[in-house]
Protein backbone atom coordinates (compact mmCIF):
# COMPACT_ATOMS: atom_id res chain seq x y z
CA MET A 1 -0.06 -0.09 -0.03
CA ASP A 2 2.94 2.41 0.78
CA GLY A 3 4.50 1.83 -2.54
CA MET A 4 1.18 2.46 -4.25
CA VAL A 5 0.90 5.86 -2.51
CA LYS A 6 4.39 6.78 -3.08
CA VAL A 7 4.30 6.41 -7.11
CA PRO A 8 1.27 8.90 -7.41
CA LEU A 9 3.21 11.36 -5.09
CA VAL A 10 6.34 10.93 -7.23
CA LEU A 11 4.41 11.77 -10.17
CA LEU A 12 2.75 14.70 -8.70
CA TYR A 13 6.00 16.21 -7.61
CA SER A 14 7.28 15.53 -11.05
CA SER A 15 4.28 17.51 -12.65
CA ILE A 16 4.67 20.38 -10.22
CA ILE A 17 8.22 20.88 -11.18
CA CYS A 18 7.39 20.77 -14.95
CA VAL A 19 4.70 23.25 -14.39
CA LEU A 20 7.10 25.83 -12.40
CA TYR A 21 9.95 25.00 -14.84
CA PHE A 22 7.80 26.18 -17.92
CA GLU A 23 6.10 28.87 -16.13
CA TRP A 24 9.80 30.30 -15.51
CA CYS A 25 10.35 29.84 -19.34
CA SER A 26 7.58 31.92 -20.29
CA LEU A 27 8.65 34.72 -17.94
CA SER A 28 12.25 34.33 -19.23
CA SER A 29 11.38 34.76 -22.76
CA GLN A 30 10.57 38.16 -22.54
CA LYS A 31 14.32 38.88 -22.35
CA LEU A 32 17.02 38.47 -25.18
CA TYR A 33 20.10 36.86 -24.11
CA ALA A 34 23.46 37.99 -25.61
CA ASN A 35 25.87 35.26 -24.60
CA GLU A 36 26.36 31.84 -23.14
CA LYS A 37 26.15 32.81 -19.57
CA ASP A 38 22.64 34.21 -19.89
CA ALA A 39 21.42 31.23 -21.67
CA PRO A 40 17.55 31.16 -21.50
CA CYS A 41 15.52 27.98 -20.78
CA VAL A 42 14.80 25.43 -23.37
CA TRP A 43 11.14 24.70 -24.35
CA ASN A 44 11.61 20.93 -25.16
CA MET A 45 12.36 18.66 -22.05
CA THR A 46 14.67 16.78 -24.63
CA ASP A 47 16.57 19.87 -24.98
CA LEU A 48 18.07 19.41 -21.39
CA ASN A 49 20.51 16.58 -22.79
CA LEU A 50 23.75 18.89 -22.06
CA SER A 51 26.06 16.40 -23.32
CA LEU A 52 25.15 17.17 -26.89
CA PRO A 53 27.34 19.40 -28.93
CA THR A 54 25.90 22.50 -29.50
CA VAL A 55 25.08 23.73 -32.92
CA PHE A 56 26.00 27.48 -33.66
CA MET A 57 23.67 28.38 -36.54
CA ILE A 58 25.02 31.72 -38.05
CA THR A 59 21.95 33.67 -40.27
CA PRO A 60 22.87 36.98 -42.03
CA THR A 61 19.40 38.68 -42.56
CA TYR A 62 18.26 41.94 -44.09
CA ALA A 63 14.98 44.26 -44.30
CA ARG A 64 12.76 43.02 -47.15
CA LEU A 65 9.01 42.14 -47.67
CA ALA A 66 9.48 38.43 -46.74
CA GLN A 67 12.21 38.77 -44.05
CA LYS A 68 9.55 38.06 -41.30
CA ALA A 69 7.94 35.37 -43.04
CA ASP A 70 11.37 33.64 -43.84
CA LEU A 71 12.80 33.93 -40.23
CA THR A 72 9.32 32.73 -38.99
CA ARG A 73 9.61 29.67 -41.08
CA LEU A 74 13.16 28.81 -39.96
CA CYS A 75 12.26 29.57 -36.30
CA GLN A 76 9.65 26.85 -36.36
CA THR A 77 12.10 24.46 -37.69
CA LEU A 78 14.72 25.40 -35.27
CA MET A 79 12.15 25.11 -32.46
CA HIS A 80 12.66 21.19 -32.84
CA VAL A 81 16.61 21.19 -32.92
CA ARG A 82 18.17 20.26 -29.58
CA ASN A 83 21.17 22.41 -28.13
CA LEU A 84 21.07 25.06 -30.81
CA HIS A 85 22.31 28.66 -30.61
CA TRP A 86 21.04 30.81 -33.37
CA ILE A 87 23.06 33.73 -34.35
CA ILE A 88 21.09 36.24 -36.33
CA VAL A 89 23.27 39.14 -37.82
CA GLU A 90 21.29 41.97 -39.30
CA ASP A 91 22.46 44.08 -42.33
CA SER A 92 21.60 47.43 -40.83
CA ASP A 93 23.22 50.28 -38.75
CA SER A 94 21.58 48.96 -35.66
CA LYS A 95 19.25 45.99 -34.41
CA THR A 96 16.05 46.63 -35.67
CA PRO A 97 12.49 46.52 -33.58
CA LEU A 98 11.28 43.96 -36.04
CA VAL A 99 13.99 41.30 -35.73
CA THR A 100 13.94 41.98 -31.70
CA ARG A 101 10.32 41.54 -31.21
CA PHE A 102 10.56 38.27 -33.47
CA LEU A 103 13.57 36.84 -31.40
CA LYS A 104 11.31 37.24 -28.04
CA ARG A 105 8.54 35.48 -29.51
CA CYS A 106 11.03 32.55 -31.06
CA ARG A 107 11.54 29.94 -28.69
CA VAL A 108 15.08 29.35 -29.95
CA LYS A 109 18.05 30.55 -27.77
CA SER A 110 19.52 33.51 -29.99
CA SER A 111 21.91 36.42 -30.03
CA GLN A 112 21.17 39.46 -32.24
CA LEU A 113 23.98 41.05 -33.93
CA ASN A 114 24.19 43.82 -36.61
CA HIS A 115 26.78 45.16 -39.19
CA THR A 116 26.05 47.36 -42.25
CA THR A 117 27.36 46.51 -45.77
CA PRO A 118 28.71 49.86 -47.46
CA ALA A 119 26.26 50.94 -49.96
CA LYS A 120 28.87 50.95 -52.50
CA SER A 121 29.08 47.06 -52.02
CA LEU A 122 25.60 46.45 -52.60
CA PRO A 123 24.33 45.35 -55.84
CA PRO A 124 21.79 47.69 -57.80
CA LYS A 125 18.34 47.86 -56.43
CA GLY A 126 16.18 44.78 -57.97
CA SER A 127 19.43 43.13 -59.18
CA HIS A 128 20.18 39.70 -58.94
CA ASN A 129 23.85 40.21 -59.40
CA ARG A 130 25.86 38.06 -56.60
CA THR A 131 29.22 39.60 -57.31
CA LYS A 132 29.21 41.63 -53.87
CA ASN A 133 29.21 38.50 -51.77
CA ARG A 134 26.25 40.18 -49.51
CA GLY A 135 26.17 38.36 -45.99
CA ALA A 136 30.24 38.12 -45.91
CA ARG A 137 30.74 40.75 -43.69
CA GLN A 138 27.66 39.64 -41.29
CA ARG A 139 29.18 36.15 -41.18
CA ASN A 140 32.45 37.53 -40.13
CA VAL A 141 30.80 39.45 -37.34
CA ALA A 142 29.33 36.50 -36.04
CA LEU A 143 32.92 34.49 -36.26
CA ASP A 144 34.32 37.55 -34.03
CA TRP A 145 31.43 37.33 -31.68
CA LEU A 146 32.00 33.71 -31.02
CA ARG A 147 35.76 34.24 -30.52
CA GLU A 148 34.80 36.82 -27.98
CA THR A 149 32.51 34.79 -26.24
CA TYR A 150 34.04 31.36 -26.00
CA LYS A 151 37.63 30.05 -25.52
CA PRO A 152 38.95 26.94 -27.04
CA GLY A 153 37.35 23.97 -24.96
CA ASP A 154 34.53 26.25 -23.27
CA VAL A 155 31.97 24.29 -25.16
CA THR A 156 31.48 21.55 -27.48
CA GLY A 157 29.93 22.46 -30.75
CA VAL A 158 29.98 23.28 -34.21
CA VAL A 159 29.27 26.12 -36.37
CA TYR A 160 27.08 26.26 -39.33
CA PHE A 161 26.04 29.00 -42.00
CA GLY A 162 22.35 29.05 -42.72
CA ASP A 163 20.71 31.53 -44.70
CA ASP A 164 17.32 32.67 -43.61
CA ASP A 165 15.42 31.44 -47.03
CA ASN A 166 16.68 27.97 -47.06
CA THR A 167 14.34 24.64 -46.27
CA TYR A 168 16.31 22.59 -43.51
CA ASP A 169 15.45 19.08 -42.43
CA ILE A 170 16.22 18.73 -38.67
CA GLN A 171 18.23 15.54 -39.40
CA LEU A 172 20.71 17.96 -40.65
CA PHE A 173 21.50 19.30 -37.53
CA GLU A 174 21.48 16.16 -35.87
CA GLU A 175 24.28 14.85 -37.93
CA MET A 176 26.48 17.90 -38.31
CA ARG A 177 26.86 18.25 -34.44
CA TYR A 178 29.40 15.27 -34.35
CA THR A 179 31.87 17.22 -36.74
CA ASN A 180 35.49 16.61 -35.73
CA LYS A 181 36.82 19.18 -38.03
CA VAL A 182 34.90 19.99 -41.24
CA SER A 183 31.81 17.83 -42.18
CA ILE A 184 30.04 17.94 -45.72
CA TRP A 185 26.98 17.09 -47.47
CA PRO A 186 24.84 17.81 -50.57
CA VAL A 187 22.68 20.85 -51.08
CA GLY A 188 19.28 20.89 -52.93
CA PHE A 189 18.49 23.31 -55.76
CA ALA A 190 22.20 24.57 -55.82
CA GLY A 191 24.36 25.37 -58.79
CA GLY A 192 21.69 24.84 -61.35
CA LEU A 193 21.12 21.11 -60.27
CA LYS A 194 18.56 19.31 -58.38
CA ALA A 195 21.31 18.76 -55.91
CA GLU A 196 24.93 20.00 -55.62
CA GLY A 197 27.86 18.41 -53.67
CA PRO A 198 30.46 15.82 -52.95
CA ILE A 199 30.59 12.27 -54.13
CA CYS A 200 31.70 9.85 -51.41
CA GLU A 201 32.71 6.61 -50.28
CA ASN A 202 33.45 5.35 -46.88
CA GLY A 203 33.03 8.71 -45.32
CA LYS A 204 35.53 10.54 -47.55
CA VAL A 205 35.02 12.61 -50.64
CA ILE A 206 36.12 11.01 -53.96
CA SER A 207 34.55 13.40 -56.53
CA TRP A 208 32.12 16.08 -56.99
CA HIS A 209 28.78 16.22 -58.60
CA VAL A 210 29.05 19.93 -59.63
CA ALA A 211 27.80 21.86 -63.28
CA TRP A 212 29.47 25.40 -62.38
CA SER A 213 33.11 25.95 -61.94
CA PRO A 214 33.81 22.33 -61.13
CA GLY A 215 37.53 23.12 -61.01
CA ARG A 216 37.33 24.99 -57.53
CA LYS A 217 39.26 23.22 -54.73
CA PHE A 218 35.99 23.21 -52.75
CA PRO A 219 33.10 23.38 -55.16
CA ILE A 220 30.56 23.63 -52.28
CA ASP A 221 27.57 25.85 -51.27
CA MET A 222 27.55 27.63 -48.18
CA ALA A 223 24.67 25.21 -46.83
CA GLY A 224 26.89 22.40 -47.39
CA PHE A 225 29.30 22.04 -44.69
CA ALA A 226 29.94 22.80 -41.00
CA VAL A 227 33.00 23.40 -38.85
CA ASN A 228 33.98 22.36 -35.41
CA LEU A 229 33.64 25.27 -32.86
CA ASP A 230 37.46 25.02 -31.70
CA ILE A 231 38.62 24.99 -35.17
CA ILE A 232 36.98 28.32 -35.46
CA LEU A 233 38.03 29.76 -32.28
CA THR A 234 41.62 28.60 -32.82
CA ASN A 235 42.07 30.09 -36.33
CA ASN A 236 41.59 33.82 -36.90
CA ASN A 237 42.32 33.23 -40.67
CA ALA A 238 38.78 31.71 -40.77
CA ARG A 239 37.00 34.61 -42.29
CA PHE A 240 35.12 35.32 -45.59
CA ASP A 241 36.26 37.78 -48.20
CA PRO A 242 33.64 40.21 -49.12
CA PHE A 243 35.27 41.19 -52.29
CA GLY A 244 36.29 37.66 -53.31
CA GLU A 245 35.28 36.16 -56.69
CA VAL A 246 31.82 35.08 -57.14
CA GLY A 247 31.46 31.34 -56.10
CA TYR A 248 34.88 31.32 -54.25
CA LEU A 249 33.81 32.48 -50.95
CA GLU A 250 33.43 28.76 -49.66
CA PRO A 251 36.49 27.42 -50.98
CA GLU A 252 38.54 30.30 -49.93
CA PHE A 253 37.09 30.05 -46.60
CA LEU A 254 37.50 26.02 -46.32
CA SER A 255 41.31 26.32 -47.69
CA ASN A 256 42.28 27.74 -44.48
CA LEU A 257 40.86 25.31 -42.49
CA THR A 258 41.18 21.67 -44.01
CA THR A 259 41.75 19.69 -47.08
CA VAL A 260 39.79 17.70 -49.27
CA GLU A 261 40.89 14.45 -47.96
CA GLU A 262 40.06 15.46 -44.31
CA LEU A 263 36.22 16.38 -44.99
CA GLU A 264 33.90 14.26 -43.11
CA ALA A 265 30.72 12.99 -45.21
CA LYS A 266 27.47 13.16 -43.51
CA ALA A 267 23.93 12.64 -44.98
CA ASP A 268 24.40 8.72 -45.44
CA ASN A 269 27.72 9.04 -47.27
CA CYS A 270 26.58 12.26 -49.03
CA THR A 271 23.68 10.41 -50.62
CA LYS A 272 20.54 12.07 -48.91
CA VAL A 273 19.67 15.82 -49.30
CA TYR A 274 18.59 17.74 -45.92
CA VAL A 275 18.89 21.17 -47.06
CA TRP A 276 17.46 23.21 -50.05
CA HIS A 277 17.82 26.54 -51.58
CA THR A 278 14.18 27.11 -51.80
CA GLN A 279 14.69 30.86 -51.84
CA THR A 280 11.69 32.77 -51.27
CA ARG A 281 9.87 34.69 -54.18
CA LYS A 282 9.51 38.52 -54.08
CA PRO A 283 5.82 38.97 -52.79
CA ARG A 284 3.63 40.98 -55.25
CA VAL A 285 2.16 43.83 -53.30
CA HIS A 286 0.99 46.37 -56.05
CA ASN A 287 -2.38 46.78 -54.64
CA GLU A 288 -0.93 47.61 -51.14
CA GLY A 289 -2.57 50.95 -50.08
CA LYS A 290 -5.57 50.88 -52.56
CA VAL A 291 -7.71 49.37 -49.50
CA PRO A 292 -7.80 50.52 -46.13
CA THR A 293 -6.60 47.89 -43.66
CA SER A 294 -6.04 47.43 -39.92
CA ILE A 295 -3.97 44.41 -40.20
CA GLU A 296 -0.33 44.74 -38.62
CA THR A 297 2.20 44.33 -41.34
CA LYS A 298 5.18 46.05 -39.88
CA LYS A 299 5.71 43.90 -36.76
């Protein structure tokens, strides 16, 4: 009889602890946490596995009609990824209210940074010209922030560069977190192909499935690799060149860190696609302003 009483009491106490914990989470979510020491609560009980390496996802973003929609979609994915720290770097003079409010609502541990791309380095308005390597400066700001915030050995983790208009399978994050140096996988809808990336055998790269500029040392897309955090922290040369040649941003970055022979194949020996360059189409709002509305679109 005593045993029968103890079991319900244990369940009751556990329930009370869970309720109090998530109540604290609700209150804590009203703040933005800028560094590891001020880490917010996690929202999934599965996230409490502190033995998992942390995924530091660096995402450059800039003001546009679809920005909040893209960030919302990405947030909804990242909420399901354990031990993830989302570093968003805005291309702006200061942290914008839109992104600040968004991150307060997004139940993902995050840091909000900003850095403005000089106007002369931006492509003409409406142009699809990529020669200016937009996002390179913002990624470098995030890399500098990591080096300022952590020392080698402080935390086990991996760094990933994920744009805000891609589509991600959460399996990708579970695989990349166990990267010893630099891991690699295919990317969907990249380079004019259904999927672009390495051809691998026994966990190593033996060739490349690439149509555009196949002679590059690392003919790889930004979304197709991850780097161990300590490699970033101990190598100040790990930076992106904003003035580099189109398509050579990733090869030049990786050349300072590893060799093709050292690359670690993920995604079932590079046979699966877990990330796609879906790229949101620019919204058509040509009727905006012609009819009155009370719908809030700027927040």
